[in-house]
Amino acid sequence: MTDGARQFSFDHSTQYFTAAAGSRFEALAAGWAANGLVAEWPNGGVGTLAIPSSTAAAAESESTGFTPFTDGARRYIGAGGLRPLCDFLAQARRCRLTMKARLQALELSA
């Protein structure tokens, strides 16, 4: 998408995924990370965001309202989005892709 001279891209997939410590999935994720398909998202970078109930409260607030997760879970993001990981999995022929719907357009109503 472009807006004048600026170019934007959006990744509408999941923001991150977690892998339980010691699991087979964690071993897979570590392999994907070693191949540059995913990257570990550092703890402190993921959490919840509290939105003030009014603009007056927002103006008075000195904090961002961001509270990082402290559960120690390993979170992974797609390197360049999750598409490269999906392409890799599809080439391995170990998965089957089923698409039920595809977003063609998004229009705001008045």
N, C-alpha and C. Protein backbone atom coordinates (compact mmCIF):
# COMPACT_ATOMS: atom_id res chain seq x y z
N MET A 1 0.85 -1.16 0.00
CA MET A 1 0.00 0.00 0.00
C MET A 1 0.91 1.23 0.00
N THR A 2 0.55 2.21 -0.77
CA THR A 2 1.33 3.44 -0.80
C THR A 2 0.43 4.63 -0.47
N ASP A 3 1.04 5.64 0.09
CA ASP A 3 0.38 6.90 0.42
C ASP A 3 1.34 8.00 0.01
N GLY A 4 1.21 8.46 -1.22
CA GLY A 4 2.17 9.43 -1.72
C GLY A 4 3.52 8.77 -1.88
N ALA A 5 4.53 9.29 -1.19
CA ALA A 5 5.88 8.74 -1.29
C ALA A 5 6.13 7.65 -0.26
N ARG A 6 5.21 7.48 0.69
CA ARG A 6 5.40 6.48 1.75
C ARG A 6 4.80 5.14 1.34
N GLN A 7 5.46 4.07 1.74
CA GLN A 7 4.96 2.73 1.45
C GLN A 7 4.74 1.99 2.76
N PHE A 8 3.62 1.31 2.86
CA PHE A 8 3.26 0.58 4.07
C PHE A 8 2.99 -0.87 3.73
N SER A 9 3.25 -1.75 4.68
CA SER A 9 2.85 -3.15 4.53
C SER A 9 2.25 -3.60 5.85
N PHE A 10 1.33 -4.53 5.77
CA PHE A 10 0.63 -5.01 6.95
C PHE A 10 0.71 -6.53 6.99
N ASP A 11 1.02 -7.07 8.14
CA ASP A 11 1.01 -8.51 8.34
C ASP A 11 -0.23 -8.81 9.17
N HIS A 12 -1.24 -9.39 8.54
CA HIS A 12 -2.52 -9.63 9.21
C HIS A 12 -2.58 -10.99 9.89
N SER A 13 -1.45 -11.65 9.98
CA SER A 13 -1.45 -12.96 10.62
C SER A 13 -1.31 -12.79 12.13
N THR A 14 -1.08 -13.87 12.78
CA THR A 14 -0.88 -13.83 14.22
C THR A 14 0.34 -12.98 14.55
N GLN A 15 0.31 -12.27 15.66
CA GLN A 15 1.44 -11.41 16.03
C GLN A 15 2.64 -12.24 16.48
N TYR A 16 2.38 -13.33 17.19
CA TYR A 16 3.46 -14.18 17.68
C TYR A 16 2.88 -15.54 18.04
N PHE A 17 3.75 -16.51 18.26
CA PHE A 17 3.31 -17.79 18.78
C PHE A 17 4.26 -18.19 19.89
N THR A 18 3.80 -19.04 20.79
CA THR A 18 4.62 -19.49 21.91
C THR A 18 4.96 -20.96 21.74
N ALA A 19 6.04 -21.35 22.38
CA ALA A 19 6.47 -22.75 22.38
C ALA A 19 6.79 -23.14 23.82
N ALA A 20 6.13 -24.16 24.31
CA ALA A 20 6.35 -24.62 25.68
C ALA A 20 7.76 -25.18 25.83
N ALA A 21 8.41 -24.85 26.93
CA ALA A 21 9.77 -25.30 27.19
C ALA A 21 9.86 -26.82 27.16
N GLY A 22 10.83 -27.33 26.43
CA GLY A 22 11.07 -28.76 26.36
C GLY A 22 10.16 -29.51 25.40
N SER A 23 9.27 -28.82 24.72
CA SER A 23 8.32 -29.48 23.82
C SER A 23 8.94 -29.76 22.45
N ARG A 24 8.33 -30.67 21.71
CA ARG A 24 8.77 -30.92 20.33
C ARG A 24 8.59 -29.66 19.49
N PHE A 25 7.53 -28.90 19.78
CA PHE A 25 7.28 -27.67 19.04
C PHE A 25 8.39 -26.65 19.29
N GLU A 26 8.90 -26.61 20.52
CA GLU A 26 10.01 -25.69 20.81
C GLU A 26 11.24 -26.06 19.98
N ALA A 27 11.49 -27.37 19.83
CA ALA A 27 12.62 -27.81 19.01
C ALA A 27 12.43 -27.40 17.54
N LEU A 28 11.19 -27.52 17.04
CA LEU A 28 10.91 -27.07 15.67
C LEU A 28 11.14 -25.57 15.54
N ALA A 29 10.63 -24.80 16.51
CA ALA A 29 10.77 -23.34 16.46
C ALA A 29 12.24 -22.94 16.50
N ALA A 30 13.05 -23.65 17.29
CA ALA A 30 14.48 -23.35 17.36
C ALA A 30 15.13 -23.60 16.00
N GLY A 31 14.71 -24.67 15.31
CA GLY A 31 15.24 -24.93 13.96
C GLY A 31 14.83 -23.86 12.97
N TRP A 32 13.58 -23.43 13.07
CA TRP A 32 13.12 -22.36 12.18
C TRP A 32 13.90 -21.07 12.44
N ALA A 33 14.18 -20.80 13.73
CA ALA A 33 14.95 -19.60 14.08
C ALA A 33 16.37 -19.71 13.52
N ALA A 34 16.98 -20.89 13.62
CA ALA A 34 18.33 -21.08 13.10
C ALA A 34 18.38 -20.88 11.59
N ASN A 35 17.27 -21.15 10.90
CA ASN A 35 17.19 -20.95 9.45
C ASN A 35 16.67 -19.58 9.06
N GLY A 36 16.47 -18.69 10.04
CA GLY A 36 16.04 -17.32 9.74
C GLY A 36 14.58 -17.17 9.40
N LEU A 37 13.77 -18.19 9.67
CA LEU A 37 12.34 -18.10 9.35
C LEU A 37 11.55 -17.39 10.45
N VAL A 38 11.98 -17.53 11.69
CA VAL A 38 11.35 -16.86 12.82
C VAL A 38 12.45 -16.27 13.69
N ALA A 39 12.04 -15.39 14.59
CA ALA A 39 12.98 -14.81 15.56
C ALA A 39 12.29 -14.78 16.91
N GLU A 40 13.09 -14.97 17.95
CA GLU A 40 12.51 -14.91 19.30
C GLU A 40 12.23 -13.46 19.65
N TRP A 41 11.03 -13.22 20.16
CA TRP A 41 10.63 -11.87 20.57
C TRP A 41 11.06 -11.71 22.02
N PRO A 42 11.92 -10.74 22.30
CA PRO A 42 12.45 -10.61 23.66
C PRO A 42 11.35 -10.36 24.70
N ASN A 43 11.51 -10.98 25.87
CA ASN A 43 10.58 -10.71 26.97
C ASN A 43 10.62 -9.23 27.28
N GLY A 44 9.49 -8.68 27.62
CA GLY A 44 9.37 -7.25 27.86
C GLY A 44 8.81 -6.51 26.66
N GLY A 45 8.80 -7.14 25.50
CA GLY A 45 8.29 -6.51 24.30
C GLY A 45 6.85 -6.87 24.00
N VAL A 46 6.28 -7.79 24.77
CA VAL A 46 4.90 -8.22 24.57
C VAL A 46 4.17 -8.08 25.89
N GLY A 47 2.96 -7.58 25.83
CA GLY A 47 2.18 -7.42 27.05
C GLY A 47 0.80 -6.91 26.76
N THR A 48 0.25 -6.21 27.73
CA THR A 48 -1.07 -5.63 27.57
C THR A 48 -0.97 -4.11 27.60
N LEU A 49 -1.92 -3.47 26.96
CA LEU A 49 -1.95 -2.01 26.90
C LEU A 49 -3.28 -1.54 27.44
N ALA A 50 -3.22 -0.76 28.51
CA ALA A 50 -4.43 -0.20 29.09
C ALA A 50 -4.74 1.12 28.40
N ILE A 51 -5.96 1.26 27.94
CA ILE A 51 -6.38 2.48 27.26
C ILE A 51 -7.17 3.33 28.25
N PRO A 52 -6.77 4.60 28.46
CA PRO A 52 -7.49 5.46 29.39
C PRO A 52 -8.95 5.61 28.98
N SER A 53 -9.82 5.76 29.96
CA SER A 53 -11.25 5.86 29.69
C SER A 53 -11.66 7.21 29.11
N SER A 54 -10.80 8.21 29.19
CA SER A 54 -11.13 9.52 28.62
C SER A 54 -9.86 10.21 28.16
N THR A 55 -10.01 11.24 27.32
CA THR A 55 -8.83 11.98 26.87
C THR A 55 -8.21 12.76 28.02
N ALA A 56 -9.02 13.18 29.00
CA ALA A 56 -8.48 13.88 30.17
C ALA A 56 -7.59 12.94 30.96
N ALA A 57 -8.02 11.70 31.13
CA ALA A 57 -7.21 10.73 31.85
C ALA A 57 -5.92 10.45 31.08
N ALA A 58 -6.01 10.41 29.77
CA ALA A 58 -4.82 10.17 28.95
C ALA A 58 -3.84 11.32 29.09
N ALA A 59 -4.34 12.55 29.12
CA ALA A 59 -3.48 13.72 29.25
C ALA A 59 -2.79 13.76 30.61
N GLU A 60 -3.47 13.28 31.64
CA GLU A 60 -2.91 13.29 32.99
C GLU A 60 -1.95 12.13 33.23
N SER A 61 -2.06 11.09 32.44
CA SER A 61 -1.25 9.89 32.65
C SER A 61 0.18 10.12 32.17
N GLU A 62 1.14 9.75 33.00
CA GLU A 62 2.54 9.85 32.61
C GLU A 62 3.06 8.52 32.08
N SER A 63 2.35 7.44 32.34
CA SER A 63 2.81 6.14 31.86
C SER A 63 2.09 5.81 30.56
N THR A 64 2.64 4.86 29.86
CA THR A 64 2.05 4.45 28.60
C THR A 64 0.90 3.49 28.81
N GLY A 65 0.77 2.93 30.00
CA GLY A 65 -0.25 1.93 30.25
C GLY A 65 0.16 0.55 29.78
N PHE A 66 1.43 0.38 29.36
CA PHE A 66 1.92 -0.90 28.87
C PHE A 66 2.44 -1.72 30.05
N THR A 67 1.97 -2.96 30.13
CA THR A 67 2.44 -3.89 31.16
C THR A 67 2.98 -5.14 30.46
N PRO A 68 4.30 -5.35 30.52
CA PRO A 68 4.86 -6.52 29.83
C PRO A 68 4.47 -7.83 30.52
N PHE A 69 4.36 -8.90 29.72
CA PHE A 69 4.13 -10.23 30.28
C PHE A 69 5.37 -10.64 31.07
N THR A 70 5.16 -11.31 32.18
CA THR A 70 6.28 -11.76 33.01
C THR A 70 6.27 -13.28 33.18
N ASP A 71 5.61 -13.99 32.27
CA ASP A 71 5.48 -15.44 32.42
C ASP A 71 6.70 -16.21 31.92
N GLY A 72 7.65 -15.53 31.27
CA GLY A 72 8.86 -16.19 30.81
C GLY A 72 8.69 -17.08 29.59
N ALA A 73 7.51 -17.08 28.98
CA ALA A 73 7.27 -17.91 27.79
C ALA A 73 8.12 -17.41 26.63
N ARG A 74 8.57 -18.35 25.79
CA ARG A 74 9.30 -17.98 24.58
C ARG A 74 8.29 -17.64 23.51
N ARG A 75 8.40 -16.44 22.98
CA ARG A 75 7.50 -15.98 21.92
C ARG A 75 8.31 -15.77 20.66
N TYR A 76 7.75 -16.22 19.55
CA TYR A 76 8.43 -16.12 18.26
C TYR A 76 7.58 -15.31 17.29
N ILE A 77 8.26 -14.54 16.46
CA ILE A 77 7.60 -13.79 15.39
C ILE A 77 8.19 -14.26 14.06
N GLY A 78 7.43 -14.08 13.02
CA GLY A 78 7.93 -14.43 11.69
C GLY A 78 8.95 -13.41 11.23
N ALA A 79 10.06 -13.87 10.71
CA ALA A 79 11.08 -12.96 10.17
C ALA A 79 10.58 -12.52 8.79
N GLY A 80 10.17 -11.26 8.69
CA GLY A 80 9.58 -10.78 7.43
C GLY A 80 8.12 -11.22 7.31
N GLY A 81 7.45 -11.43 8.43
CA GLY A 81 6.08 -11.93 8.43
C GLY A 81 6.10 -13.45 8.53
N LEU A 82 4.95 -14.05 8.65
CA LEU A 82 4.89 -15.50 8.77
C LEU A 82 4.80 -16.20 7.41
N ARG A 83 4.70 -15.45 6.33
CA ARG A 83 4.60 -16.06 5.01
C ARG A 83 5.79 -16.95 4.68
N PRO A 84 7.05 -16.50 4.94
CA PRO A 84 8.18 -17.38 4.64
C PRO A 84 8.12 -18.72 5.39
N LEU A 85 7.67 -18.71 6.63
CA LEU A 85 7.52 -19.96 7.38
C LEU A 85 6.44 -20.83 6.74
N CYS A 86 5.33 -20.23 6.36
CA CYS A 86 4.25 -20.98 5.71
C CYS A 86 4.73 -21.58 4.39
N ASP A 87 5.48 -20.81 3.62
CA ASP A 87 6.02 -21.33 2.35
C ASP A 87 6.95 -22.51 2.61
N PHE A 88 7.79 -22.40 3.63
CA PHE A 88 8.71 -23.48 3.99
C PHE A 88 7.94 -24.75 4.37
N LEU A 89 6.91 -24.59 5.19
CA LEU A 89 6.12 -25.75 5.60
C LEU A 89 5.38 -26.37 4.43
N ALA A 90 4.89 -25.53 3.53
CA ALA A 90 4.19 -26.05 2.35
C ALA A 90 5.15 -26.82 1.44
N GLN A 91 6.38 -26.35 1.30
CA GLN A 91 7.36 -27.05 0.47
C GLN A 91 7.76 -28.38 1.07
N ALA A 92 7.71 -28.47 2.40
CA ALA A 92 8.07 -29.72 3.07
C ALA A 92 6.98 -30.78 2.88
N ARG A 93 5.84 -30.37 2.38
CA ARG A 93 4.70 -31.26 2.11
C ARG A 93 4.25 -32.04 3.34
N ARG A 94 4.41 -31.40 4.48
CA ARG A 94 3.95 -32.03 5.72
C ARG A 94 2.66 -31.40 6.22
N CYS A 95 2.13 -30.51 5.45
CA CYS A 95 0.90 -29.86 5.87
C CYS A 95 -0.01 -29.68 4.67
N ARG A 96 -1.27 -29.46 4.94
CA ARG A 96 -2.25 -29.21 3.89
C ARG A 96 -2.89 -27.86 4.17
N LEU A 97 -2.93 -27.02 3.19
CA LEU A 97 -3.51 -25.68 3.33
C LEU A 97 -4.98 -25.72 2.96
N THR A 98 -5.80 -25.22 3.87
CA THR A 98 -7.23 -25.10 3.61
C THR A 98 -7.62 -23.66 3.85
N MET A 99 -8.10 -23.00 2.82
CA MET A 99 -8.53 -21.61 2.95
C MET A 99 -10.04 -21.56 2.86
N LYS A 100 -10.66 -21.04 3.89
CA LYS A 100 -12.11 -20.96 3.91
C LYS A 100 -12.60 -19.60 3.42
N ALA A 101 -11.83 -18.55 3.64
CA ALA A 101 -12.25 -17.22 3.22
C ALA A 101 -11.02 -16.36 2.97
N ARG A 102 -11.18 -15.41 2.10
CA ARG A 102 -10.11 -14.48 1.81
C ARG A 102 -10.68 -13.07 1.78
N LEU A 103 -10.05 -12.15 2.46
CA LEU A 103 -10.49 -10.76 2.49
C LEU A 103 -10.09 -10.09 1.19
N GLN A 104 -11.07 -9.62 0.44
CA GLN A 104 -10.80 -8.97 -0.84
C GLN A 104 -10.78 -7.44 -0.70
N ALA A 105 -11.63 -6.91 0.19
CA ALA A 105 -11.70 -5.46 0.34
C ALA A 105 -12.22 -5.14 1.74
N LEU A 106 -11.87 -3.98 2.21
CA LEU A 106 -12.34 -3.49 3.49
C LEU A 106 -12.82 -2.06 3.28
N GLU A 107 -14.09 -1.84 3.52
CA GLU A 107 -14.66 -0.51 3.32
C GLU A 107 -15.30 -0.05 4.60
N LEU A 108 -15.11 1.20 4.96
CA LEU A 108 -15.71 1.77 6.15
C LEU A 108 -17.07 2.37 5.78
N SER A 109 -18.05 2.07 6.59
CA SER A 109 -19.38 2.65 6.34
C SER A 109 -19.47 3.99 7.06
N ALA A 110 -20.30 4.86 6.54
CA ALA A 110 -20.45 6.20 7.10
C ALA A 110 -21.27 6.19 8.36
